[in-house]
């Protein structure tokens, strides 16, 4: 389970109490996931069989973490320094550029015209202090993904990103899960991203599980409780009002075009 499944915890309200409960539930699920490894991570190490370490990542939108990145540090350094030790130094810059492209990171001039490429930003030594709030959050997210965690907890991953970057980040997350077998615990109040990310879903309200964990399609297509049904109906109504300009439609277009 810990090597393949992405579990999404979705809630009907974004109150601090609910999000706190979601984080607590994520920790419990993470501990459960570790237990699935057969106790190898908590077994007493021996000289012949040392205990392996599990790379755990955490991405949050709480307190604008992107704005806390050191303003004078280059984006190249920030992306490269969290990569696994196994990545050779000579390859890190190229991988960092690939992450920027995957996330569709782009700079704009004073007239709103796009300029530059990842390689140009690196040559120019572009720093965090030169970025907007949304760009900082994107760099923060890409930096955490570049660490290639084996277990990743995401708390409202997409806050602060526009629709295109939300779509790109979700696509990168799913790609990394397929390629690396990353286990993802995804906490959100957003129906669309939970549906796209989760193999399994659980629905919470006021700190309590109402439904799940269960396969995503079964939980959302056949809700059993009134609260979940209202949540799904309202989410689908908002998607219909967006007239195709919403996350699931954009994600489908990106998958089709690329």
C-alpha atoms as a PDB file:
ATOM      1  CA  UNK A   1       0.000   0.000   0.000  1.00  0.00           C
ATOM      2  CA  UNK A   2       2.672   2.498   0.939  1.00  0.00           C
ATOM      3  CA  UNK A   3       4.429   1.933  -2.365  1.00  0.00           C
ATOM      4  CA  UNK A   4       1.576   2.599  -4.750  1.00  0.00           C
ATOM      5  CA  UNK A   5      -1.684   4.056  -3.486  1.00  0.00           C
ATOM      6  CA  UNK A   6      -2.583   7.723  -3.268  1.00  0.00           C
ATOM      7  CA  UNK A   7      -5.124   8.411  -0.535  1.00  0.00           C
ATOM      8  CA  UNK A   8      -7.066  11.664  -0.524  1.00  0.00           C
ATOM      9  CA  UNK A   9      -8.804  13.040   2.561  1.00  0.00           C
ATOM     10  CA  UNK A  10     -11.454  15.567   1.584  1.00  0.00           C
ATOM     11  CA  UNK A  11     -13.620  17.721   3.832  1.00  0.00           C
ATOM     12  CA  UNK A  12     -16.633  19.945   3.457  1.00  0.00           C
ATOM     13  CA  UNK A  13     -15.255  22.952   5.350  1.00  0.00           C
ATOM     14  CA  UNK A  14     -11.868  24.631   5.472  1.00  0.00           C
ATOM     15  CA  UNK A  15     -11.917  25.564   9.147  1.00  0.00           C
ATOM     16  CA  UNK A  16      -8.704  25.301  11.153  1.00  0.00           C
ATOM     17  CA  UNK A  17     -10.278  22.596  13.292  1.00  0.00           C
ATOM     18  CA  UNK A  18     -11.140  20.461  10.289  1.00  0.00           C
ATOM     19  CA  UNK A  19      -7.731  20.904   8.703  1.00  0.00           C
ATOM     20  CA  UNK A  20      -6.125  20.027  12.018  1.00  0.00           C
ATOM     21  CA  UNK A  21      -8.170  16.854  12.127  1.00  0.00           C
ATOM     22  CA  UNK A  22      -7.140  16.076   8.569  1.00  0.00           C
ATOM     23  CA  UNK A  23      -3.471  16.421   9.460  1.00  0.00           C
ATOM     24  CA  UNK A  24      -3.941  14.155  12.464  1.00  0.00           C
ATOM     25  CA  UNK A  25      -5.710  11.600  10.293  1.00  0.00           C
ATOM     26  CA  UNK A  26      -2.906  11.813   7.748  1.00  0.00           C
ATOM     27  CA  UNK A  27      -0.348  11.046  10.444  1.00  0.00           C
ATOM     28  CA  UNK A  28      -2.346   8.021  11.562  1.00  0.00           C
ATOM     29  CA  UNK A  29      -2.655   6.782   8.004  1.00  0.00           C
ATOM     30  CA  UNK A  30       1.078   7.333   7.492  1.00  0.00           C
ATOM     31  CA  UNK A  31       1.847   5.207  10.548  1.00  0.00           C
ATOM     32  CA  UNK A  32      -0.512   2.560   9.221  1.00  0.00           C
ATOM     33  CA  UNK A  33       1.297   2.695   5.899  1.00  0.00           C
ATOM     34  CA  UNK A  34       4.639   2.204   7.583  1.00  0.00           C
ATOM     35  CA  UNK A  35       3.275  -0.843   9.358  1.00  0.00           C
ATOM     36  CA  UNK A  36       2.545  -2.325   5.943  1.00  0.00           C
ATOM     37  CA  UNK A  37       6.279  -2.516   5.370  1.00  0.00           C
ATOM     38  CA  UNK A  38       6.298  -5.503   7.677  1.00  0.00           C
ATOM     39  CA  UNK A  39       7.946  -3.723  10.578  1.00  0.00           C
ATOM     40  CA  UNK A  40      11.235  -3.353   8.718  1.00  0.00           C
ATOM     41  CA  UNK A  41      11.443   0.347   9.508  1.00  0.00           C
ATOM     42  CA  UNK A  42      11.110  -0.144  13.254  1.00  0.00           C
ATOM     43  CA  UNK A  43      13.011  -3.385  13.619  1.00  0.00           C
ATOM     44  CA  UNK A  44      16.251  -3.300  15.591  1.00  0.00           C
ATOM     45  CA  UNK A  45      19.122  -2.630  13.155  1.00  0.00           C
ATOM     46  CA  UNK A  46      21.894  -5.145  12.772  1.00  0.00           C
ATOM     47  CA  UNK A  47      25.261  -4.871  11.125  1.00  0.00           C
ATOM     48  CA  UNK A  48      24.144  -7.270   8.431  1.00  0.00           C
ATOM     49  CA  UNK A  49      20.762  -5.623   7.817  1.00  0.00           C
ATOM     50  CA  UNK A  50      20.629  -1.899   8.646  1.00  0.00           C
ATOM     51  CA  UNK A  51      17.220  -0.279   8.930  1.00  0.00           C
ATOM     52  CA  UNK A  52      16.329   1.535   5.706  1.00  0.00           C
ATOM     53  CA  UNK A  53      15.294   5.174   5.918  1.00  0.00           C
ATOM     54  CA  UNK A  54      12.030   6.401   4.477  1.00  0.00           C
ATOM     55  CA  UNK A  55      12.075   9.750   2.681  1.00  0.00           C
ATOM     56  CA  UNK A  56       9.001  11.627   3.887  1.00  0.00           C
ATOM     57  CA  UNK A  57       7.893  14.945   2.379  1.00  0.00           C
ATOM     58  CA  UNK A  58       5.299  17.476   3.489  1.00  0.00           C
ATOM     59  CA  UNK A  59       3.784  20.234   1.341  1.00  0.00           C
ATOM     60  CA  UNK A  60       1.405  22.777   2.842  1.00  0.00           C
ATOM     61  CA  UNK A  61      -0.212  26.073   1.913  1.00  0.00           C
ATOM     62  CA  UNK A  62      -0.433  27.118   5.571  1.00  0.00           C
ATOM     63  CA  UNK A  63       1.399  30.387   6.398  1.00  0.00           C
ATOM     64  CA  UNK A  64       2.587  30.902   2.786  1.00  0.00           C
ATOM     65  CA  UNK A  65       5.692  28.671   2.967  1.00  0.00           C
ATOM     66  CA  UNK A  66       6.920  29.883  -0.426  1.00  0.00           C
ATOM     67  CA  UNK A  67       7.308  33.379   1.000  1.00  0.00           C
ATOM     68  CA  UNK A  68       9.537  31.965   3.751  1.00  0.00           C
ATOM     69  CA  UNK A  69      12.155  30.765   1.256  1.00  0.00           C
ATOM     70  CA  UNK A  70      15.408  32.792   1.512  1.00  0.00           C
ATOM     71  CA  UNK A  71      14.959  35.736  -0.889  1.00  0.00           C
ATOM     72  CA  UNK A  72      18.605  35.944  -1.978  1.00  0.00           C
ATOM     73  CA  UNK A  73      18.905  32.265  -2.847  1.00  0.00           C
ATOM     74  CA  UNK A  74      18.707  31.286  -6.509  1.00  0.00           C
ATOM     75  CA  UNK A  75      15.860  29.088  -7.674  1.00  0.00           C
ATOM     76  CA  UNK A  76      18.434  26.704  -9.160  1.00  0.00           C
ATOM     77  CA  UNK A  77      20.084  26.137  -5.792  1.00  0.00           C
ATOM     78  CA  UNK A  78      16.735  25.695  -4.010  1.00  0.00           C
ATOM     79  CA  UNK A  79      15.634  23.030  -6.485  1.00  0.00           C
ATOM     80  CA  UNK A  80      18.968  21.205  -6.544  1.00  0.00           C
ATOM     81  CA  UNK A  81      19.767  21.074  -2.844  1.00  0.00           C
ATOM     82  CA  UNK A  82      16.845  18.809  -1.841  1.00  0.00           C
ATOM     83  CA  UNK A  83      17.422  16.186  -4.512  1.00  0.00           C
ATOM     84  CA  UNK A  84      18.363  12.711  -3.239  1.00  0.00           C
ATOM     85  CA  UNK A  85      22.053  12.102  -2.563  1.00  0.00           C
ATOM     86  CA  UNK A  86      22.077   9.516  -5.353  1.00  0.00           C
ATOM     87  CA  UNK A  87      21.575  12.236  -7.986  1.00  0.00           C
ATOM     88  CA  UNK A  88      25.025  13.214  -9.342  1.00  0.00           C
ATOM     89  CA  UNK A  89      25.956  16.892  -9.039  1.00  0.00           C
ATOM     90  CA  UNK A  90      26.433  17.131 -12.797  1.00  0.00           C
ATOM     91  CA  UNK A  91      22.810  16.125 -13.401  1.00  0.00           C
ATOM     92  CA  UNK A  92      21.093  18.317 -10.854  1.00  0.00           C
ATOM     93  CA  UNK A  93      20.821  21.511 -12.874  1.00  0.00           C
ATOM     94  CA  UNK A  94      19.276  19.629 -15.797  1.00  0.00           C
ATOM     95  CA  UNK A  95      16.769  17.960 -13.507  1.00  0.00           C
ATOM     96  CA  UNK A  96      15.910  21.290 -11.894  1.00  0.00           C
ATOM     97  CA  UNK A  97      15.207  22.740 -15.345  1.00  0.00           C
ATOM     98  CA  UNK A  98      12.992  19.747 -16.115  1.00  0.00           C
ATOM     99  CA  UNK A  99      10.957  20.393 -12.949  1.00  0.00           C
ATOM    100  CA  UNK A 100      10.469  24.032 -13.944  1.00  0.00           C
ATOM    101  CA  UNK A 101       9.218  22.970 -17.365  1.00  0.00           C
ATOM    102  CA  UNK A 102       6.930  20.322 -15.900  1.00  0.00           C
ATOM    103  CA  UNK A 103       5.417  22.915 -13.553  1.00  0.00           C
ATOM    104  CA  UNK A 104       5.243  25.488 -16.381  1.00  0.00           C
ATOM    105  CA  UNK A 105       7.212  28.037 -14.372  1.00  0.00           C
ATOM    106  CA  UNK A 106       7.388  31.296 -16.314  1.00  0.00           C
ATOM    107  CA  UNK A 107       8.655  34.823 -15.742  1.00  0.00           C
ATOM    108  CA  UNK A 108       6.919  37.900 -17.166  1.00  0.00           C
ATOM    109  CA  UNK A 109       8.135  41.428 -17.903  1.00  0.00           C
ATOM    110  CA  UNK A 110       6.426  44.638 -16.769  1.00  0.00           C
ATOM    111  CA  UNK A 111       4.076  44.449 -19.773  1.00  0.00           C
ATOM    112  CA  UNK A 112       2.956  40.926 -18.932  1.00  0.00           C
ATOM    113  CA  UNK A 113       4.968  39.311 -21.722  1.00  0.00           C
ATOM    114  CA  UNK A 114       6.564  35.938 -20.991  1.00  0.00           C
ATOM    115  CA  UNK A 115      10.345  35.803 -21.175  1.00  0.00           C
ATOM    116  CA  UNK A 116      13.162  33.339 -20.597  1.00  0.00           C
ATOM    117  CA  UNK A 117      13.685  29.620 -20.156  1.00  0.00           C
ATOM    118  CA  UNK A 118      14.826  27.616 -17.125  1.00  0.00           C
ATOM    119  CA  UNK A 119      18.391  27.643 -18.439  1.00  0.00           C
ATOM    120  CA  UNK A 120      18.288  31.414 -18.868  1.00  0.00           C
ATOM    121  CA  UNK A 121      16.927  31.874 -15.344  1.00  0.00           C
ATOM    122  CA  UNK A 122      19.816  29.760 -14.041  1.00  0.00           C
ATOM    123  CA  UNK A 123      22.434  31.692 -16.039  1.00  0.00           C
ATOM    124  CA  UNK A 124      20.949  34.954 -14.791  1.00  0.00           C
ATOM    125  CA  UNK A 125      20.930  33.580 -11.219  1.00  0.00           C
ATOM    126  CA  UNK A 126      17.268  34.385 -10.701  1.00  0.00           C
ATOM    127  CA  UNK A 127      16.484  34.576  -6.982  1.00  0.00           C
ATOM    128  CA  UNK A 128      13.397  33.919  -4.901  1.00  0.00           C
ATOM    129  CA  UNK A 129      13.175  37.613  -4.053  1.00  0.00           C
ATOM    130  CA  UNK A 130      12.384  38.423  -7.685  1.00  0.00           C
ATOM    131  CA  UNK A 131       9.277  36.216  -7.803  1.00  0.00           C
ATOM    132  CA  UNK A 132       5.589  36.825  -7.198  1.00  0.00           C
ATOM    133  CA  UNK A 133       3.710  35.021  -4.422  1.00  0.00           C
ATOM    134  CA  UNK A 134       2.317  32.405  -6.799  1.00  0.00           C
ATOM    135  CA  UNK A 135       5.740  31.809  -8.360  1.00  0.00           C
ATOM    136  CA  UNK A 136       7.297  31.362  -4.920  1.00  0.00           C
ATOM    137  CA  UNK A 137       4.679  28.777  -3.999  1.00  0.00           C
ATOM    138  CA  UNK A 138       5.309  26.919  -7.242  1.00  0.00           C
ATOM    139  CA  UNK A 139       9.065  26.823  -6.563  1.00  0.00           C
ATOM    140  CA  UNK A 140       8.360  25.609  -3.020  1.00  0.00           C
ATOM    141  CA  UNK A 141       6.157  22.783  -4.353  1.00  0.00           C
ATOM    142  CA  UNK A 142       8.631  21.778  -7.076  1.00  0.00           C
ATOM    143  CA  UNK A 143      11.456  21.845  -4.527  1.00  0.00           C
ATOM    144  CA  UNK A 144       9.641  19.379  -2.285  1.00  0.00           C
ATOM    145  CA  UNK A 145       8.819  17.127  -5.241  1.00  0.00           C
ATOM    146  CA  UNK A 146      12.458  17.216  -6.380  1.00  0.00           C
ATOM    147  CA  UNK A 147      13.373  15.443  -3.129  1.00  0.00           C
ATOM    148  CA  UNK A 148      11.553  12.382  -4.564  1.00  0.00           C
ATOM    149  CA  UNK A 149       9.942  11.393  -1.235  1.00  0.00           C
ATOM    150  CA  UNK A 150       8.672   7.864  -0.785  1.00  0.00           C
ATOM    151  CA  UNK A 151       5.794   9.145   1.350  1.00  0.00           C
ATOM    152  CA  UNK A 152       4.374  12.598   0.621  1.00  0.00           C
ATOM    153  CA  UNK A 153       1.736  14.400   2.700  1.00  0.00           C
ATOM    154  CA  UNK A 154       0.063  17.260   0.813  1.00  0.00           C
ATOM    155  CA  UNK A 155      -2.078  19.772   2.722  1.00  0.00           C
ATOM    156  CA  UNK A 156      -3.974  21.929   0.192  1.00  0.00           C
ATOM    157  CA  UNK A 157      -1.142  21.531  -2.310  1.00  0.00           C
ATOM    158  CA  UNK A 158      -2.622  23.765  -5.017  1.00  0.00           C
ATOM    159  CA  UNK A 159      -3.477  26.932  -3.075  1.00  0.00           C
ATOM    160  CA  UNK A 160      -1.901  30.018  -4.618  1.00  0.00           C
ATOM    161  CA  UNK A 161      -1.547  28.535  -8.122  1.00  0.00           C
ATOM    162  CA  UNK A 162      -3.526  29.435 -11.229  1.00  0.00           C
ATOM    163  CA  UNK A 163      -5.491  26.809 -13.139  1.00  0.00           C
ATOM    164  CA  UNK A 164      -2.697  25.929 -15.558  1.00  0.00           C
ATOM    165  CA  UNK A 165      -0.094  25.473 -12.816  1.00  0.00           C
ATOM    166  CA  UNK A 166      -2.536  23.472 -10.697  1.00  0.00           C
ATOM    167  CA  UNK A 167      -3.013  21.119 -13.622  1.00  0.00           C
ATOM    168  CA  UNK A 168       0.709  20.808 -14.283  1.00  0.00           C
ATOM    169  CA  UNK A 169       1.562  20.155 -10.642  1.00  0.00           C
ATOM    170  CA  UNK A 170      -1.100  17.450 -10.341  1.00  0.00           C
ATOM    171  CA  UNK A 171       0.174  15.812 -13.516  1.00  0.00           C
ATOM    172  CA  UNK A 172       3.738  15.882 -12.168  1.00  0.00           C
ATOM    173  CA  UNK A 173       2.554  14.426  -8.864  1.00  0.00           C
ATOM    174  CA  UNK A 174       0.765  11.552 -10.585  1.00  0.00           C
ATOM    175  CA  UNK A 175       3.762  10.926 -12.870  1.00  0.00           C
ATOM    176  CA  UNK A 176       6.107  10.780  -9.891  1.00  0.00           C
ATOM    177  CA  UNK A 177       3.760   8.385  -8.116  1.00  0.00           C
ATOM    178  CA  UNK A 178       3.763   6.055 -11.120  1.00  0.00           C
ATOM    179  CA  UNK A 179       7.514   6.265 -11.725  1.00  0.00           C
ATOM    180  CA  UNK A 180       8.762   6.141  -8.117  1.00  0.00           C
ATOM    181  CA  UNK A 181       5.887   4.370  -6.385  1.00  0.00           C
ATOM    182  CA  UNK A 182       5.456   7.406  -4.120  1.00  0.00           C
ATOM    183  CA  UNK A 183       2.647   7.033  -1.573  1.00  0.00           C
ATOM    184  CA  UNK A 184       0.616  10.239  -1.312  1.00  0.00           C
ATOM    185  CA  UNK A 185      -1.683  11.409   1.468  1.00  0.00           C
ATOM    186  CA  UNK A 186      -3.604  14.296  -0.071  1.00  0.00           C
ATOM    187  CA  UNK A 187      -5.588  16.619   2.226  1.00  0.00           C
ATOM    188  CA  UNK A 188      -8.050  19.012   0.614  1.00  0.00           C
ATOM    189  CA  UNK A 189     -11.520  20.532   0.563  1.00  0.00           C
ATOM    190  CA  UNK A 190     -11.421  20.517  -3.248  1.00  0.00           C
ATOM    191  CA  UNK A 191     -13.502  17.824  -4.932  1.00  0.00           C
ATOM    192  CA  UNK A 192     -11.794  17.982  -8.348  1.00  0.00           C
ATOM    193  CA  UNK A 193      -8.202  17.523  -7.190  1.00  0.00           C
ATOM    194  CA  UNK A 194      -9.216  14.795  -4.734  1.00  0.00           C
ATOM    195  CA  UNK A 195     -10.949  12.920  -7.559  1.00  0.00           C
ATOM    196  CA  UNK A 196      -7.920  13.280  -9.836  1.00  0.00           C
ATOM    197  CA  UNK A 197      -5.321  12.329  -7.231  1.00  0.00           C
ATOM    198  CA  UNK A 198      -6.885   9.702  -5.022  1.00  0.00           C
ATOM    199  CA  UNK A 199      -6.936   5.979  -5.632  1.00  0.00           C
ATOM    200  CA  UNK A 200      -8.785   5.852  -2.322  1.00  0.00           C
ATOM    201  CA  UNK A 201     -10.772   8.628  -0.655  1.00  0.00           C
ATOM    202  CA  UNK A 202     -12.075   9.393   2.798  1.00  0.00           C
ATOM    203  CA  UNK A 203     -14.596  12.129   3.588  1.00  0.00           C
ATOM    204  CA  UNK A 204     -14.483  14.059   6.860  1.00  0.00           C
ATOM    205  CA  UNK A 205     -16.643  16.665   8.555  1.00  0.00           C
ATOM    206  CA  UNK A 206     -15.976  18.434  11.852  1.00  0.00           C
ATOM    207  CA  UNK A 207     -13.041  16.161  12.598  1.00  0.00           C
ATOM    208  CA  UNK A 208     -14.823  12.843  12.059  1.00  0.00           C
ATOM    209  CA  UNK A 209     -14.740  10.321   9.229  1.00  0.00           C
ATOM    210  CA  UNK A 210     -18.164  10.098   7.579  1.00  0.00           C
ATOM    211  CA  UNK A 211     -17.234   7.753   4.756  1.00  0.00           C
ATOM    212  CA  UNK A 212     -14.233   5.770   3.599  1.00  0.00           C
ATOM    213  CA  UNK A 213     -11.459   5.147   3.046  1.00  0.00           C
ATOM    214  CA  UNK A 214     -12.848   3.501  -0.087  1.00  0.00           C
ATOM    215  CA  UNK A 215     -12.048   3.401  -3.814  1.00  0.00           C
ATOM    216  CA  UNK A 216     -12.433   6.923  -5.184  1.00  0.00           C
ATOM    217  CA  UNK A 217     -15.051   6.183  -7.838  1.00  0.00           C
ATOM    218  CA  UNK A 218     -17.238   4.204  -5.465  1.00  0.00           C
ATOM    219  CA  UNK A 219     -17.130   6.815  -2.717  1.00  0.00           C
ATOM    220  CA  UNK A 220     -17.909   9.825  -4.920  1.00  0.00           C
ATOM    221  CA  UNK A 221     -20.268   8.203  -7.432  1.00  0.00           C
ATOM    222  CA  UNK A 222     -22.327   6.452  -4.771  1.00  0.00           C
ATOM    223  CA  UNK A 223     -22.256   8.587  -1.601  1.00  0.00           C
ATOM    224  CA  UNK A 224     -24.078   7.051   1.357  1.00  0.00           C
ATOM    225  CA  UNK A 225     -24.386  10.042   3.677  1.00  0.00           C
ATOM    226  CA  UNK A 226     -26.339  13.232   3.093  1.00  0.00           C
ATOM    227  CA  UNK A 227     -23.261  15.368   3.826  1.00  0.00           C
ATOM    228  CA  UNK A 228     -21.135  13.691   1.187  1.00  0.00           C
ATOM    229  CA  UNK A 229     -23.964  13.757  -1.356  1.00  0.00           C
ATOM    230  CA  UNK A 230     -24.432  17.494  -0.795  1.00  0.00           C
ATOM    231  CA  UNK A 231     -20.675  18.026  -1.087  1.00  0.00           C
ATOM    232  CA  UNK A 232     -20.500  16.134  -4.389  1.00  0.00           C
ATOM    233  CA  UNK A 233     -23.617  17.818  -5.810  1.00  0.00           C
ATOM    234  CA  UNK A 234     -22.354  21.302  -4.962  1.00  0.00           C
ATOM    235  CA  UNK A 235     -18.919  20.539  -6.416  1.00  0.00           C
ATOM    236  CA  UNK A 236     -20.437  19.278  -9.657  1.00  0.00           C
ATOM    237  CA  UNK A 237     -22.712  22.337  -9.823  1.00  0.00           C
ATOM    238  CA  UNK A 238     -19.705  24.641  -9.550  1.00  0.00           C
ATOM    239  CA  UNK A 239     -17.904  22.711 -12.285  1.00  0.00           C
ATOM    240  CA  UNK A 240     -20.915  23.064 -14.575  1.00  0.00           C
ATOM    241  CA  UNK A 241     -20.990  26.825 -13.958  1.00  0.00           C
ATOM    242  CA  UNK A 242     -17.319  27.055 -14.979  1.00  0.00           C
ATOM    243  CA  UNK A 243     -18.262  25.934 -18.519  1.00  0.00           C
ATOM    244  CA  UNK A 244     -15.213  23.760 -19.088  1.00  0.00           C
ATOM    245  CA  UNK A 245     -12.729  26.101 -17.406  1.00  0.00           C
ATOM    246  CA  UNK A 246     -12.107  23.938 -14.375  1.00  0.00           C
ATOM    247  CA  UNK A 247      -9.434  21.610 -13.071  1.00  0.00           C
ATOM    248  CA  UNK A 248     -10.737  18.274 -14.325  1.00  0.00           C
ATOM    249  CA  UNK A 249     -11.436  19.623 -17.818  1.00  0.00           C
ATOM    250  CA  UNK A 250      -8.005  21.273 -18.010  1.00  0.00           C
ATOM    251  CA  UNK A 251      -6.326  18.094 -16.791  1.00  0.00           C
ATOM    252  CA  UNK A 252      -8.116  16.050 -19.464  1.00  0.00           C
ATOM    253  CA  UNK A 253      -7.025  18.535 -22.149  1.00  0.00           C
ATOM    254  CA  UNK A 254      -3.420  18.376 -20.989  1.00  0.00           C
ATOM    255  CA  UNK A 255      -3.424  14.555 -20.973  1.00  0.00           C
ATOM    256  CA  UNK A 256      -4.946  14.516 -24.463  1.00  0.00           C
ATOM    257  CA  UNK A 257      -2.604  17.121 -25.971  1.00  0.00           C
ATOM    258  CA  UNK A 258       0.635  15.772 -24.494  1.00  0.00           C
END
